[in-house]
Amino acid sequence: MSKRRYVARGVPGGYRIWDNKGRRWWGDLYEHCPDDLLAELNGHASPEKITALLKRYRALKR
């Protein structure tokens, strides 16, 4: 079984996305992990879809 590239991890203050391949945090800190983002991370984890979701939630935070 292969290791997932992106995973949501709980951190103090919310959730962040960990990139296993790049071995670094990817994206912003979220107080609540959005359901559709979590579903994508637990599903196919398409980098294009994850990036689009992150852009959408980043715009909502402004």
Protein backbone atom coordinates (compact mmCIF):
# COMPACT_ATOMS: atom_id res chain seq x y z
CA MET A 1 0.00 0.00 0.00
CA SER A 2 1.43 3.36 -0.98
CA LYS A 3 1.63 6.32 1.34
CA ARG A 4 -0.74 9.19 0.55
CA ARG A 5 0.99 12.32 -0.70
CA TYR A 6 -1.28 14.84 1.08
CA VAL A 7 -2.89 14.39 4.49
CA ALA A 8 -4.80 16.71 6.81
CA ARG A 9 -3.18 16.88 10.23
CA GLY A 10 -4.42 18.46 13.39
CA VAL A 11 -2.14 21.19 14.74
CA PRO A 12 -2.63 23.69 17.57
CA GLY A 13 -5.40 26.01 16.41
CA GLY A 14 -6.83 23.85 13.61
CA TYR A 15 -5.68 21.75 10.65
CA ARG A 16 -2.91 21.99 8.08
CA ILE A 17 -2.08 19.90 5.02
CA TRP A 18 1.12 17.88 5.12
CA ASP A 19 2.88 16.97 1.85
CA ASN A 20 4.57 13.60 2.41
CA LYS A 21 6.60 13.80 -0.79
CA GLY A 22 7.90 17.33 -0.17
CA ARG A 23 8.03 16.75 3.60
CA ARG A 24 6.58 20.18 4.41
CA TRP A 25 3.32 21.94 5.25
CA TRP A 26 1.27 22.87 2.19
CA GLY A 27 -1.32 25.64 2.23
CA ASP A 28 -2.77 27.66 5.08
CA LEU A 29 -3.88 26.91 8.62
CA TYR A 30 -7.62 26.23 8.89
CA GLU A 31 -9.59 26.46 12.12
CA HIS A 32 -11.99 23.87 10.74
CA CYS A 33 -11.05 21.47 7.98
CA PRO A 34 -13.64 21.96 5.18
CA ASP A 35 -15.54 18.76 4.35
CA ASP A 36 -14.90 18.86 0.59
CA LEU A 37 -11.17 19.46 1.12
CA LEU A 38 -10.99 16.58 3.60
CA ALA A 39 -12.91 14.33 1.18
CA GLU A 40 -10.45 15.13 -1.62
CA LEU A 41 -7.46 14.49 0.64
CA ASN A 42 -8.92 11.14 1.72
CA GLY A 43 -9.95 10.28 -1.85
CA HIS A 44 -7.91 10.67 -5.03
CA ALA A 45 -5.94 13.65 -3.67
CA SER A 46 -5.66 15.36 -7.04
CA PRO A 47 -3.19 18.26 -6.65
CA GLU A 48 -5.24 20.36 -9.11
CA LYS A 49 -8.48 19.91 -7.14
CA ILE A 50 -6.74 20.50 -3.81
CA THR A 51 -5.16 23.70 -5.14
CA ALA A 52 -8.54 24.95 -6.42
CA LEU A 53 -10.20 24.23 -3.06
CA LEU A 54 -7.38 25.96 -1.17
CA LYS A 55 -7.69 29.05 -3.38
CA ARG A 56 -11.45 29.15 -2.75
CA TYR A 57 -11.10 28.92 1.02
CA ARG A 58 -8.21 31.39 1.08
CA ALA A 59 -10.41 33.93 -0.76
CA LEU A 60 -13.23 33.39 1.75
CA LYS A 61 -10.88 34.18 4.64
CA ARG A 62 -10.16 37.68 3.26
